[in-house]
Protein backbone atom coordinates (compact mmCIF):
# COMPACT_ATOMS: atom_id res chain seq x y z
CA MET A 1 30.76 -36.20 -17.92
CA SER A 2 27.16 -35.49 -17.85
CA THR A 3 25.68 -31.67 -18.49
CA ASN A 4 24.31 -31.80 -14.84
CA ASN A 5 27.84 -32.01 -13.64
CA ASP A 6 30.09 -29.76 -16.45
CA PRO A 7 30.48 -26.23 -15.39
CA LYS A 8 31.53 -25.53 -19.09
CA ALA A 9 27.85 -26.08 -19.51
CA ALA A 10 27.08 -22.78 -17.53
CA SER A 11 29.65 -20.80 -19.51
CA ASN A 12 28.10 -20.05 -22.87
CA SER A 13 24.72 -20.51 -22.30
CA THR A 14 22.47 -17.29 -22.87
CA PRO A 15 20.54 -16.26 -21.15
CA GLN A 16 21.35 -17.80 -17.87
CA THR A 17 18.96 -19.76 -15.89
CA GLY A 18 18.28 -21.86 -12.80
CA ILE A 19 21.53 -22.47 -10.84
CA ARG A 20 23.77 -20.95 -13.62
CA LYS A 21 21.86 -17.54 -13.73
CA GLY A 22 23.89 -14.78 -11.76
CA LEU A 23 27.21 -16.39 -10.53
CA THR A 24 29.54 -15.31 -8.09
CA ARG A 25 32.65 -13.20 -9.60
CA TYR A 26 35.33 -14.98 -8.68
CA GLY A 27 37.40 -14.77 -12.33
CA ASP A 28 36.54 -18.50 -13.66
CA THR A 29 32.71 -18.92 -14.46
CA GLU A 30 33.47 -22.73 -14.37
CA PHE A 31 35.03 -22.50 -10.82
CA SER A 32 31.81 -20.35 -10.02
CA LEU A 33 29.12 -23.15 -10.75
CA PHE A 34 31.70 -25.76 -9.24
CA MET A 35 31.89 -24.03 -5.81
CA ARG A 36 27.69 -22.96 -5.86
CA LYS A 37 27.02 -26.46 -6.38
CA ALA A 38 29.22 -27.85 -3.56
CA PHE A 39 27.97 -25.33 -0.89
CA ILE A 40 24.31 -26.07 -1.70
CA LYS A 41 24.80 -29.90 -1.78
CA ALA A 42 25.56 -29.36 1.77
CA MET A 43 21.59 -28.85 2.28
CA GLY A 44 21.20 -32.24 0.43
CA PHE A 45 20.29 -31.03 -3.02
CA SER A 46 20.80 -33.62 -5.98
CA ASP A 47 21.84 -32.47 -9.51
CA SER A 48 18.28 -33.37 -10.66
CA ALA A 49 16.76 -30.67 -8.31
CA LEU A 50 19.55 -28.36 -9.40
CA ASP A 51 18.92 -28.60 -12.87
CA ARG A 52 15.36 -27.57 -12.55
CA PRO A 53 13.98 -23.55 -12.85
CA ILE A 54 14.40 -21.94 -9.62
CA ILE A 55 11.46 -20.04 -7.99
CA GLY A 56 12.56 -17.94 -5.15
CA ILE A 57 9.87 -17.67 -2.42
CA THR A 58 10.14 -14.43 0.31
CA ASN A 59 9.83 -14.84 3.29
CA THR A 60 8.39 -12.26 5.38
CA TYR A 61 7.35 -13.97 8.68
CA SER A 62 8.67 -12.34 11.68
CA ASP A 63 7.64 -13.00 15.59
CA PHE A 64 6.49 -9.16 15.07
CA ASN A 65 4.23 -9.44 12.49
CA PRO A 66 0.87 -10.96 13.15
CA CYS A 67 -0.26 -9.89 9.73
CA HIS A 68 2.00 -12.21 8.07
CA GLY A 69 0.94 -15.12 10.84
CA ASN A 70 -0.11 -17.47 8.27
CA VAL A 71 3.06 -16.98 5.97
CA PRO A 72 5.22 -20.32 7.44
CA GLN A 73 2.01 -22.48 6.07
CA MET A 74 1.10 -20.39 2.64
CA ILE A 75 5.27 -20.83 1.72
CA GLU A 76 4.50 -24.76 2.45
CA ALA A 77 1.72 -24.42 -0.09
CA ILE A 78 3.48 -22.27 -2.46
CA LYS A 79 6.43 -24.74 -2.64
CA ARG A 80 4.16 -27.98 -3.02
CA GLY A 81 2.76 -25.89 -6.07
CA VAL A 82 6.15 -25.46 -7.35
CA MET A 83 7.34 -28.81 -7.09
CA GLN A 84 4.38 -30.39 -8.90
CA ALA A 85 5.19 -28.38 -11.72
CA GLY A 86 8.61 -29.49 -11.72
CA GLY A 87 10.78 -26.52 -10.22
CA MET A 88 12.59 -26.08 -7.49
CA PRO A 89 11.65 -23.59 -4.59
CA MET A 90 14.19 -21.83 -2.65
CA VAL A 91 12.86 -19.81 0.24
CA PHE A 92 14.80 -16.32 1.13
CA PRO A 93 14.08 -13.86 3.94
CA THR A 94 13.47 -10.24 3.79
CA ILE A 95 12.66 -7.56 6.02
CA SER A 96 9.24 -7.95 7.72
CA ILE A 97 7.53 -4.78 8.64
CA HIS A 98 4.12 -4.47 10.94
CA GLU A 99 2.96 -1.17 11.09
CA SER A 100 2.20 -1.31 14.62
CA PHE A 101 5.50 -2.78 15.55
CA ALA A 102 7.49 -0.53 13.41
CA PHE A 103 9.16 2.76 15.00
CA PRO A 104 9.03 5.71 14.15
CA THR A 105 6.30 4.33 10.96
CA SER A 106 6.16 1.60 8.97
CA MET A 107 6.56 4.01 5.77
CA TYR A 108 10.00 5.24 7.05
CA LEU A 109 11.09 1.49 6.17
CA ARG A 110 9.50 1.10 3.04
CA ASN A 111 11.89 1.88 0.76
CA LEU A 112 14.42 0.08 2.86
CA MET A 113 12.70 -3.04 2.32
CA ALA A 114 12.21 -2.19 -1.31
CA LEU A 115 15.84 -2.04 -2.03
CA ASP A 116 16.52 -5.24 0.08
CA THR A 117 14.13 -7.14 -1.67
CA GLU A 118 15.71 -5.64 -5.14
CA GLU A 119 19.35 -6.46 -4.50
CA MET A 120 17.85 -10.46 -2.88
CA MET A 121 16.47 -11.19 -6.21
CA ARG A 122 18.97 -9.60 -8.25
CA SER A 123 21.88 -11.59 -6.85
CA GLN A 124 20.34 -14.88 -6.29
CA PRO A 125 19.90 -17.32 -8.94
CA VAL A 126 16.19 -17.16 -9.40
CA ASP A 127 13.93 -17.74 -12.75
CA ALA A 128 10.87 -16.25 -10.91
CA VAL A 129 9.68 -14.85 -7.60
CA VAL A 130 6.46 -15.25 -5.51
CA LEU A 131 6.22 -12.44 -3.35
CA VAL A 132 4.83 -13.06 -0.11
CA GLY A 133 3.01 -10.21 1.40
CA GLY A 134 0.37 -8.73 3.65
CA CYS A 135 0.87 -5.79 6.20
CA ASP A 136 0.63 -2.46 4.82
CA LYS A 137 4.07 -1.36 3.03
CA THR A 138 4.93 -4.99 2.32
CA ILE A 139 3.78 -5.52 -1.24
CA PRO A 140 4.19 -2.13 -2.05
CA ALA A 141 7.85 -2.43 -1.23
CA GLN A 142 7.99 -6.11 -3.21
CA LEU A 143 6.42 -4.05 -6.38
CA MET A 144 8.71 -1.28 -6.18
CA ALA A 145 11.28 -3.90 -6.33
CA ALA A 146 10.21 -6.09 -8.92
CA ALA A 147 9.68 -2.70 -10.95
CA SER A 148 13.03 -2.19 -11.00
CA LEU A 149 13.87 -5.70 -12.37
CA ASP A 150 12.86 -8.15 -15.06
CA VAL A 151 12.38 -11.32 -13.28
CA PRO A 152 8.85 -12.47 -13.52
CA VAL A 153 7.15 -12.24 -10.30
CA LEU A 154 3.49 -13.46 -8.81
CA SER A 155 2.48 -11.92 -5.49
CA ILE A 156 0.14 -13.51 -3.11
CA PRO A 157 -1.18 -11.67 -0.31
CA THR A 158 -1.83 -12.84 3.25
CA GLY A 159 -4.87 -12.36 3.72
CA PRO A 160 -7.54 -10.30 5.97
CA MET A 161 -8.58 -11.38 8.95
CA LEU A 162 -11.89 -12.82 10.14
CA THR A 163 -14.22 -11.00 12.15
CA THR A 164 -15.96 -11.52 15.80
CA LEU A 165 -18.30 -9.92 17.62
CA HIS A 166 -18.71 -7.97 21.07
CA GLN A 167 -22.27 -7.58 22.67
CA GLY A 168 -23.76 -8.49 19.33
CA ASP A 169 -21.49 -5.78 17.31
CA ARG A 170 -19.22 -7.06 14.85
CA LEU A 171 -15.49 -6.08 15.28
CA GLY A 172 -12.96 -5.74 12.86
CA ALA A 173 -9.36 -4.34 13.11
CA CYS A 174 -8.65 -1.30 12.51
CA THR A 175 -12.23 0.69 11.79
CA ASP A 176 -13.52 -0.48 14.88
CA CYS A 177 -10.08 0.06 16.92
CA ARG A 178 -11.05 3.72 16.14
CA ARG A 179 -14.25 3.61 16.76
CA TYR A 180 -14.00 2.33 20.40
CA TRP A 181 -10.91 4.15 21.14
CA GLY A 182 -12.76 7.02 20.07
CA LYS A 183 -15.98 5.88 22.73
CA PHE A 184 -13.63 5.44 25.48
CA ARG A 185 -11.98 9.00 25.39
CA ALA A 186 -15.25 10.30 25.05
CA GLY A 187 -16.04 7.98 28.57
CA GLU A 188 -18.98 6.19 26.68
CA ILE A 189 -16.74 2.93 27.36
CA ASP A 190 -14.82 2.38 30.63
CA GLN A 191 -11.37 0.63 30.90
CA ALA A 192 -13.00 -2.47 31.47
CA GLU A 193 -14.68 -2.89 28.19
CA ILE A 194 -11.74 -1.11 26.31
CA ASP A 195 -9.52 -4.27 27.53
CA GLU A 196 -11.77 -6.85 26.64
CA ILE A 197 -12.83 -4.97 23.19
CA ASN A 198 -9.07 -4.88 22.74
CA GLY A 199 -8.88 -9.00 22.85
CA LYS A 200 -11.17 -9.09 20.27
CA LEU A 201 -10.19 -6.78 17.57
CA ALA A 202 -7.52 -9.13 15.64
CA PRO A 203 -8.88 -12.52 16.53
CA THR A 204 -6.86 -14.18 14.02
CA THR A 205 -3.62 -13.88 11.80
CA GLY A 206 -4.04 -11.66 8.63
CA THR A 207 -4.39 -7.93 7.45
CA CYS A 208 -7.16 -5.84 8.68
CA MET A 209 -10.57 -6.86 7.62
CA VAL A 210 -11.60 -3.69 6.34
CA MET A 211 -11.01 -1.85 3.26
CA GLY A 212 -7.76 -0.77 5.03
CA THR A 213 -4.55 -0.85 3.29
CA ALA A 214 -3.54 -4.16 2.86
CA SER A 215 -6.92 -5.03 1.24
CA THR A 216 -6.66 -2.00 -0.74
CA ILE A 217 -2.96 -3.33 -2.36
CA ALA A 218 -4.62 -6.46 -2.75
CA CYS A 219 -7.37 -5.37 -5.09
CA MET A 220 -5.32 -3.37 -6.83
CA VAL A 221 -2.86 -6.01 -7.35
CA GLU A 222 -4.99 -8.56 -8.63
CA THR A 223 -6.50 -6.02 -10.62
CA ALA A 224 -3.15 -4.69 -12.34
CA GLY A 225 -2.41 -8.52 -13.21
CA LEU A 226 0.49 -9.44 -10.92
CA SER A 227 -1.50 -11.60 -8.51
CA LEU A 228 -4.10 -14.84 -9.49
CA PRO A 229 -7.85 -14.22 -9.69
CA GLY A 230 -8.94 -14.73 -5.96
CA THR A 231 -5.93 -13.73 -3.95
CA ALA A 232 -7.45 -10.07 -2.73
CA ALA A 233 -9.90 -11.52 -0.63
CA ALA A 234 -9.83 -14.96 0.45
CA PRO A 235 -9.76 -14.92 4.36
CA ALA A 236 -5.93 -15.46 5.69
CA VAL A 237 -6.80 -18.95 7.95
CA THR A 238 -9.19 -20.43 5.19
CA ALA A 239 -8.39 -23.22 3.03
CA GLU A 240 -8.65 -21.30 -0.13
CA ARG A 241 -5.50 -19.25 0.71
CA PHE A 242 -3.24 -22.30 0.88
CA ARG A 243 -5.12 -23.68 -2.04
CA LEU A 244 -4.17 -20.29 -4.10
CA SER A 245 -0.89 -20.47 -3.10
CA GLU A 246 -0.57 -23.75 -4.44
CA LEU A 247 -1.81 -22.84 -7.68
CA THR A 248 0.60 -19.57 -7.57
CA GLY A 249 3.83 -21.74 -6.65
CA ARG A 250 2.65 -23.86 -9.78
CA ARG A 251 2.12 -21.14 -12.00
CA ALA A 252 5.51 -19.11 -11.06
CA VAL A 253 7.19 -22.42 -12.37
CA GLU A 254 5.57 -21.88 -16.10
CA LEU A 255 6.71 -18.13 -15.74
CA GLY A 256 10.19 -18.92 -14.83
CA LYS A 257 10.20 -21.08 -17.97
CA THR A 258 9.59 -17.48 -20.37
CA ALA A 259 11.77 -15.42 -18.00
CA GLY A 260 14.13 -14.71 -21.50
CA GLU A 261 11.10 -13.79 -22.97
CA GLY A 262 10.11 -10.88 -20.82
CA LYS A 263 6.31 -11.50 -21.59
CA PHE A 264 5.41 -11.78 -17.94
CA SER A 265 7.83 -9.39 -16.61
CA PRO A 266 6.43 -6.90 -13.76
CA ARG A 267 7.73 -4.24 -16.40
CA THR A 268 5.17 -5.53 -19.19
CA ILE A 269 2.15 -7.12 -17.03
CA LEU A 270 2.33 -3.55 -15.14
CA SER A 271 1.77 -1.24 -18.28
CA PRO A 272 0.18 2.15 -17.95
CA GLU A 273 -3.11 0.44 -18.77
CA ALA A 274 -2.99 -1.76 -16.07
CA LEU A 275 -2.16 0.58 -13.45
CA THR A 276 -5.01 2.77 -14.80
CA ASN A 277 -7.29 -0.24 -14.07
CA ALA A 278 -5.59 -0.41 -11.10
CA LEU A 279 -6.50 3.37 -9.67
CA VAL A 280 -9.94 2.72 -11.43
CA VAL A 281 -10.47 -0.13 -8.56
CA LEU A 282 -9.07 2.50 -5.68
CA HIS A 283 -11.53 4.52 -6.35
CA ALA A 284 -14.51 1.85 -6.67
CA ILE A 285 -13.76 0.36 -3.29
CA GLY A 286 -13.26 3.03 -1.56
CA GLY A 287 -9.37 2.08 -1.04
CA SER A 288 -6.49 3.94 1.10
CA THR A 289 -5.17 7.01 0.35
CA ASN A 290 -1.95 5.49 1.35
CA ALA A 291 -2.34 3.29 -1.78
CA LEU A 292 -2.05 6.38 -4.10
CA ILE A 293 1.45 7.16 -2.52
CA HIS A 294 2.51 3.43 -3.10
CA PHE A 295 1.37 3.23 -6.85
CA THR A 296 2.55 6.67 -7.74
CA ALA A 297 6.11 4.92 -6.14
CA ILE A 298 5.64 2.06 -8.71
CA ALA A 299 4.75 3.87 -11.40
CA ALA A 300 7.67 6.11 -10.91
CA ARG A 301 10.45 2.74 -11.15
CA LEU A 302 8.75 2.01 -14.28
CA GLY A 303 9.29 5.42 -15.66
CA ILE A 304 5.83 6.39 -15.57
CA LYS A 305 3.92 9.51 -13.96
CA LEU A 306 0.90 8.88 -12.05
CA ASP A 307 -0.70 12.58 -12.60
CA LEU A 308 -2.89 13.71 -9.84
CA GLU A 309 -5.29 15.66 -11.17
CA ARG A 310 -5.80 13.19 -13.78
CA PHE A 311 -6.42 10.84 -10.96
CA ASP A 312 -8.91 13.05 -9.28
CA ARG A 313 -10.85 13.58 -12.73
CA LEU A 314 -10.99 9.64 -13.31
CA GLY A 315 -12.52 9.39 -9.84
CA ARG A 316 -15.52 11.73 -10.82
CA ASN A 317 -16.86 8.96 -13.58
CA ILE A 318 -16.37 5.89 -10.92
CA PRO A 319 -19.15 5.25 -8.32
CA VAL A 320 -18.01 3.49 -4.89
CA LEU A 321 -19.18 0.05 -5.15
CA VAL A 322 -18.18 -1.58 -2.11
CA ASP A 323 -19.80 -1.22 0.73
CA LEU A 324 -17.06 -2.28 3.10
CA LYS A 325 -15.71 -0.03 6.28
CA PRO A 326 -14.59 2.40 6.60
CA SER A 327 -16.77 3.94 3.62
CA GLY A 328 -19.14 1.68 4.50
CA SER A 329 -20.58 -1.30 6.85
CA HIS A 330 -19.18 -4.63 5.86
CA TYR A 331 -16.04 -6.49 6.21
CA MET A 332 -13.68 -8.14 3.53
CA GLU A 333 -14.68 -11.94 4.60
CA HIS A 334 -17.96 -10.86 3.18
CA LEU A 335 -16.36 -9.56 -0.08
CA TYR A 336 -14.99 -12.88 -0.54
CA GLU A 337 -18.42 -14.46 -0.08
CA ASP A 338 -19.60 -12.31 -2.90
CA GLY A 339 -17.05 -13.77 -5.25
CA GLY A 340 -14.02 -11.25 -4.34
CA LEU A 341 -12.65 -8.57 -6.42
CA MET A 342 -13.85 -10.13 -9.71
CA GLY A 343 -17.30 -9.36 -8.53
CA VAL A 344 -16.40 -5.53 -8.35
CA LEU A 345 -15.15 -5.58 -11.79
CA ARG A 346 -17.36 -7.19 -13.68
CA GLU A 347 -19.41 -3.80 -12.69
CA LEU A 348 -16.64 -1.81 -13.90
CA LYS A 349 -15.75 -3.46 -17.32
CA PRO A 350 -17.11 0.03 -18.74
CA HIS A 351 -14.02 1.46 -17.24
CA LEU A 352 -11.52 -0.80 -17.73
CA TYR A 353 -8.81 -1.92 -20.46
CA LEU A 354 -9.48 -5.34 -20.90
CA ASP A 355 -6.90 -6.57 -22.96
CA CYS A 356 -4.13 -6.55 -20.12
CA LEU A 357 -2.25 -9.58 -20.07
CA THR A 358 -2.27 -10.92 -16.36
CA VAL A 359 0.28 -13.53 -14.54
CA SER A 360 -2.33 -16.06 -15.15
CA GLY A 361 -1.93 -15.88 -19.10
CA ARG A 362 -5.30 -14.44 -19.54
CA THR A 363 -6.09 -11.01 -19.84
CA LEU A 364 -7.95 -9.23 -17.46
CA GLY A 365 -11.33 -9.06 -19.40
CA GLU A 366 -10.97 -13.09 -20.08
CA GLU A 367 -10.52 -13.74 -15.90
CA ILE A 368 -13.81 -11.29 -15.46
CA ASP A 369 -15.60 -13.61 -17.63
CA ALA A 370 -14.24 -16.86 -16.31
CA ALA A 371 -15.27 -15.78 -12.65
CA LYS A 372 -18.41 -17.48 -11.29
CA VAL A 373 -21.35 -15.03 -10.55
CA THR A 374 -22.52 -14.85 -7.01
CA LYS A 375 -26.45 -14.17 -7.16
CA ALA A 376 -27.46 -13.20 -3.60
CA ARG A 377 -24.46 -10.76 -2.78
CA LYS A 378 -23.92 -8.94 0.44
CA VAL A 379 -21.42 -5.88 -0.12
CA ILE A 380 -20.98 -5.32 -3.89
CA ARG A 381 -23.42 -3.13 -5.42
CA ILE A 382 -24.48 -2.32 -9.33
CA ALA A 383 -23.48 0.62 -10.68
CA SER A 384 -26.25 1.97 -10.78
CA GLU A 385 -26.87 1.45 -7.29
CA PRO A 386 -23.22 2.48 -5.67
CA ILE A 387 -23.17 3.53 -2.24
CA TYR A 388 -21.42 6.74 -3.03
CA PRO A 389 -21.67 8.52 -6.39
CA VAL A 390 -18.34 9.06 -7.35
CA GLY A 391 -14.74 8.03 -6.38
CA GLY A 392 -13.60 7.51 -2.82
CA LEU A 393 -10.57 9.92 -3.14
CA ALA A 394 -10.30 13.43 -4.21
CA VAL A 395 -7.29 15.44 -5.57
CA LEU A 396 -7.06 18.91 -3.14
CA LYS A 397 -5.32 21.98 -4.53
CA GLY A 398 -5.19 25.59 -3.49
CA ASN A 399 -2.52 28.06 -1.98
CA LEU A 400 -1.97 25.53 1.08
CA ALA A 401 -1.54 22.74 -0.80
CA PRO A 402 0.12 23.98 -4.16
CA ARG A 403 1.36 19.81 -5.44
CA GLY A 404 -1.80 18.58 -3.95
CA ALA A 405 -3.36 17.02 -1.01
CA VAL A 406 -5.82 14.30 -0.34
CA ILE A 407 -9.31 13.12 0.86
CA LYS A 408 -11.20 10.15 1.35
CA HIS A 409 -14.51 11.76 1.10
CA SER A 410 -16.39 8.65 0.94
CA ALA A 411 -15.64 8.26 4.55
CA ALA A 412 -15.87 11.73 5.51
CA SER A 413 -18.96 14.01 7.15
CA PRO A 414 -21.05 15.07 4.33
CA ASN A 415 -21.71 18.62 6.30
CA LEU A 416 -17.78 19.44 6.36
CA LEU A 417 -16.81 18.43 3.13
CA LYS A 418 -17.35 22.48 2.42
CA HIS A 419 -16.11 24.15 5.46
CA ARG A 420 -14.70 27.53 6.77
CA GLY A 421 -13.14 27.56 9.88
CA ARG A 422 -10.21 28.87 12.32
CA ALA A 423 -7.17 27.11 12.38
CA VAL A 424 -5.54 25.35 15.76
CA VAL A 425 -2.25 24.47 15.17
CA PHE A 426 0.08 21.59 16.18
CA LYS A 427 3.64 22.16 15.23
CA SER A 428 4.85 18.44 15.93
CA LEU A 429 3.42 15.06 16.68
CA GLU A 430 4.88 15.52 20.29
CA ASP A 431 2.75 19.12 20.24
CA LEU A 432 0.06 17.36 19.51
CA ALA A 433 0.44 14.48 22.05
CA LEU A 434 1.22 17.25 24.95
CA ARG A 435 -1.75 19.57 24.32
CA VAL A 436 -4.54 17.67 22.57
CA ASP A 437 -6.58 16.81 25.56
CA SER A 438 -5.55 19.85 27.58
CA PRO A 439 -8.83 21.45 29.04
CA ASP A 440 -7.16 24.88 28.79
CA LEU A 441 -6.99 24.21 24.54
CA ASP A 442 -8.59 27.09 22.89
CA VAL A 443 -10.87 24.73 20.41
CA THR A 444 -14.21 24.48 19.23
CA ALA A 445 -16.12 21.78 17.26
CA GLU A 446 -15.96 24.61 14.14
CA ASP A 447 -12.24 24.94 14.15
CA ILE A 448 -9.55 23.27 11.93
CA LEU A 449 -7.11 21.05 13.22
CA VAL A 450 -3.41 21.58 11.54
CA LEU A 451 -0.44 19.14 12.24
CA GLN A 452 2.89 20.57 11.07
CA ASN A 453 6.24 18.35 10.35
CA ALA A 454 4.82 14.87 10.11
CA GLY A 455 5.75 14.85 6.48
CA PRO A 456 8.59 12.34 4.58
CA LYS A 457 11.37 14.20 5.56
CA GLY A 458 9.61 16.31 8.94
CA ALA A 459 8.50 13.38 10.93
CA PRO A 460 10.64 11.63 9.23
CA GLY A 461 8.93 8.93 7.73
CA MET A 462 5.26 10.26 6.86
CA PRO A 463 3.24 8.59 10.02
CA GLU A 464 -0.53 7.81 10.30
CA ALA A 465 -0.82 10.46 12.41
CA GLY A 466 -3.12 12.45 9.97
CA TYR A 467 -6.36 11.03 11.81
CA LEU A 468 -5.59 13.46 14.55
CA PRO A 469 -7.56 13.08 17.76
CA ILE A 470 -10.77 14.75 18.74
CA PRO A 471 -9.43 16.89 21.68
CA LYS A 472 -10.91 15.32 24.77
CA LYS A 473 -13.12 17.95 25.87
CA LEU A 474 -14.99 17.78 22.10
CA ALA A 475 -15.01 14.40 22.23
CA GLN A 476 -16.40 14.09 25.74
CA ALA A 477 -19.73 16.78 24.34
CA GLY A 478 -20.13 14.53 21.78
CA VAL A 479 -17.83 15.65 18.83
CA LYS A 480 -17.62 12.72 16.43
CA ASP A 481 -15.62 14.62 13.58
CA MET A 482 -13.70 17.75 12.80
CA VAL A 483 -11.47 18.88 9.54
CA ARG A 484 -8.41 17.87 10.25
CA ILE A 485 -5.20 18.85 7.82
CA SER A 486 -1.66 17.60 7.92
CA ASP A 487 1.43 16.54 5.89
CA ALA A 488 0.87 12.75 7.44
CA ARG A 489 -0.99 10.02 6.05
CA MET A 490 -3.48 8.08 7.48
CA SER A 491 -4.33 4.64 8.06
CA GLY A 492 -6.66 3.17 5.31
CA THR A 493 -8.92 1.91 8.22
CA ALA A 494 -9.57 5.58 9.48
CA PHE A 495 -12.50 7.40 8.83
CA GLY A 496 -13.57 11.15 9.33
CA THR A 497 -12.99 14.69 7.35
CA ILE A 498 -9.26 14.54 6.91
CA VAL A 499 -6.93 16.04 4.37
CA LEU A 500 -3.34 14.50 4.00
CA HIS A 501 -0.69 14.38 2.19
CA VAL A 502 -0.43 18.18 1.91
CA THR A 503 2.58 18.74 -0.65
CA PRO A 504 4.88 20.32 -0.16
CA GLU A 505 5.12 19.58 3.55
CA SER A 506 6.27 21.56 6.20
CA ALA A 507 10.04 20.78 6.71
CA GLU A 508 10.39 21.71 3.13
CA ASN A 509 8.98 25.19 4.17
CA GLY A 510 5.63 24.61 2.23
CA PRO A 511 2.87 26.73 2.88
CA LEU A 512 1.64 24.32 5.82
CA ALA A 513 4.71 25.33 8.10
CA ILE A 514 3.54 29.35 7.88
CA VAL A 515 -0.20 28.27 9.25
CA GLN A 516 -0.87 30.03 12.70
CA ASP A 517 -3.43 29.72 15.29
CA GLY A 518 -6.78 31.97 14.21
CA ASP A 519 -5.70 31.81 10.32
CA MET A 520 -9.11 31.14 8.33
CA ILE A 521 -8.97 27.84 6.38
CA THR A 522 -11.29 27.02 3.76
CA LEU A 523 -12.03 23.52 2.51
CA ASP A 524 -14.02 22.97 -0.45
CA VAL A 525 -14.48 19.31 -1.41
CA GLU A 526 -16.89 19.97 -4.63
CA ASN A 527 -14.43 22.66 -5.99
CA ARG A 528 -10.99 20.49 -4.75
CA LEU A 529 -10.00 23.68 -3.29
CA LEU A 530 -7.77 23.61 0.38
CA GLN A 531 -7.39 27.69 0.41
CA LEU A 532 -5.54 29.60 3.45
CA GLU A 533 -7.46 32.82 3.67
CA LEU A 534 -3.79 35.16 3.59
CA ASP A 535 -2.79 36.98 0.24
CA ASP A 536 0.07 35.83 -1.59
CA ALA A 537 2.61 39.01 0.12
CA GLU A 538 1.80 37.80 3.93
CA ILE A 539 2.44 33.86 2.27
CA ALA A 540 5.76 34.83 0.55
CA ARG A 541 6.59 37.11 4.28
CA ARG A 542 6.15 34.26 6.35
CA ILE A 543 8.08 31.54 3.75
CA ALA A 544 10.86 33.77 4.40
CA ALA A 545 11.20 33.98 7.42
CA LEU A 546 11.51 30.78 8.20
CA GLU A 547 14.54 28.68 8.90
CA THR A 548 16.20 26.85 6.02
CA PRO A 549 14.54 22.99 5.76
CA ALA A 550 18.27 21.32 6.60
CA LYS A 551 18.42 23.42 9.68
CA ARG A 552 15.17 22.72 10.96
CA LEU A 553 15.41 18.84 10.12
CA ASN A 554 19.02 18.70 12.50
CA ILE A 555 19.78 15.36 10.04
CA PRO A 556 22.21 13.11 11.93
CA GLU A 557 25.46 12.43 9.52
CA THR A 558 25.65 9.13 9.13
CA GLY A 559 22.83 5.96 9.02
CA TYR A 560 19.43 4.69 7.65
CA ARG A 561 18.34 8.53 8.75
CA HIS A 562 20.67 10.05 6.89
CA LEU A 563 20.18 8.50 3.88
CA TYR A 564 16.01 8.51 4.31
CA GLN A 565 15.72 12.50 5.25
CA THR A 566 18.18 13.61 2.31
CA THR A 567 16.97 11.88 -0.36
CA VAL A 568 13.20 10.66 0.44
CA THR A 569 10.85 12.36 -2.25
CA GLN A 570 7.34 14.22 -1.20
CA ALA A 571 3.64 12.62 -1.12
CA ASP A 572 2.87 13.51 -5.18
CA VAL A 573 5.95 11.65 -6.54
CA GLY A 574 5.55 8.16 -4.24
CA CYS A 575 7.95 9.18 -1.32
CA ASP A 576 10.39 6.82 -2.61
CA PHE A 577 14.83 7.46 -2.74
CA ASP A 578 15.49 9.97 -5.43
CA PHE A 579 17.98 7.94 -6.75
CA MET A 580 15.24 5.12 -7.40
CA VAL A 581 13.21 6.90 -9.95
CA PRO A 582 14.21 7.58 -13.50
CA SER A 583 14.32 11.25 -14.86
CA ALA A 584 12.39 10.28 -18.12
CA HIS A 585 8.60 9.72 -17.56
CA GLY A 586 5.48 8.79 -19.80
CA VAL A 587 1.98 9.55 -18.33
CA VAL A 588 -0.58 6.93 -17.32
CA PRO A 589 -3.55 7.58 -19.30
CA LEU A 590 -6.10 7.77 -17.04
CA LEU A 591 -9.15 9.18 -18.98
CA LYS A 592 -10.26 5.89 -20.40
CA GLY A 593 -12.29 6.47 -23.70
CA LYS A 594 -12.37 10.65 -22.87
């Protein structure tokens, strides 16, 4: 009998690969392989096909997920590349999450998707996996899963949408969603025009075409070395996206053949230096505040602590170089035309660890040097002429945020970055929706809007509610921005002077929970200060008067919500489940050369 048909071949080889990997436990390994082959042959596979390296491909397509509308075509291209390289592609489904279709919020489901993806990768005989993802929380969930395993992976994003025009004004989801919705609330445009705009904001499949969370994560993953060069910026509907998918499939087979060596495992690629490179890029592209939470979670699963104060100091030396909304004025298709992310990395070389290995087999420095140089650039600035002199994000601390808060100051109003104002407090999302547009709301443009109980446990799921709407009576009077503070998140596509991720959150009886209407708050971004103007004794008295978090949250006794609200961590450690985070941590070396 040939080796291909001999189940004894599965019992003694170390490490096991392909169809012989991770055999179902029947108490008889020979029978396990016999059963596995018998059932997979029902699909028409031959022994020759089953003897090849098996490359898993995640299928995150869903009718509810337009960001992943091109996934079926991408999967066909990946399968084509796998077969060209002599591998066997095997597609398997995982959870699919879209920001606008997930109740109560996509972040509530990120950890569930990470668990799902991890266990599907762990339980199936894959030598390497291509992770196909796009919309906001999908790729972070996949990388959290990959960080918990040693299986080689390549990530490939679905890519950004293309833009279109409205009366000569270029539109893009979802920065322009918010811009035009603000105009509608202010009475500057009517119902007919907002309906027309609604049909133009997302003209193709793909992720948001501004530097929102999806594009931010795609850029950071390419920088960190877990996706091939060019994959971050190529638009979703271009032929290049599918050629990159094919190339990713071919490379996955090569990685699968080295699986036992560990050279290209996520734990090897995602070194502290590679994570630092990704965080440099987060600052330089004016990226999403969400990305900081996601990469904190990914790093934590690797046993690495991402220190927020070091991250802030890192940003003081990194200029914003990409002129994309919401920090700038252009779109992802223009970054693609400028040569993609590699054009940005070329300007950042003095700040990067260039010897980090990538899944291509070359170092990051080698990939930068090999990339084509685009001479006439539209959105990538040279380092001496940035669009913003320091990194896009700043970490604030003070008695209102003892463990930190975050602001995207590159997308804020400069005149509000140092501001003292009176708190106008909303106790919950429901309270916000009920009262923010009331003509009786006691509020002026100089006040500070405060939202409580919108954090990881309190909401639950830390929704993208930090972009509190300007109260309608102020919007109609021409007010475009106000200081807003919450323990919620904000879409990476949003803009404004908005303080987020206040930690500890209100539901954990952090100081945010005791802010009352009329309290004075000081925001001083230059000095990284967020201060409630109360003395320590009054703060302690108010906190002592609060109900216990367990009583206030009313956590159900069963179900996913019980698991989530009893185990989710705070924003400064990534909002992962506490049982998924190792207790011992290293530290990311965030101050290169300092």
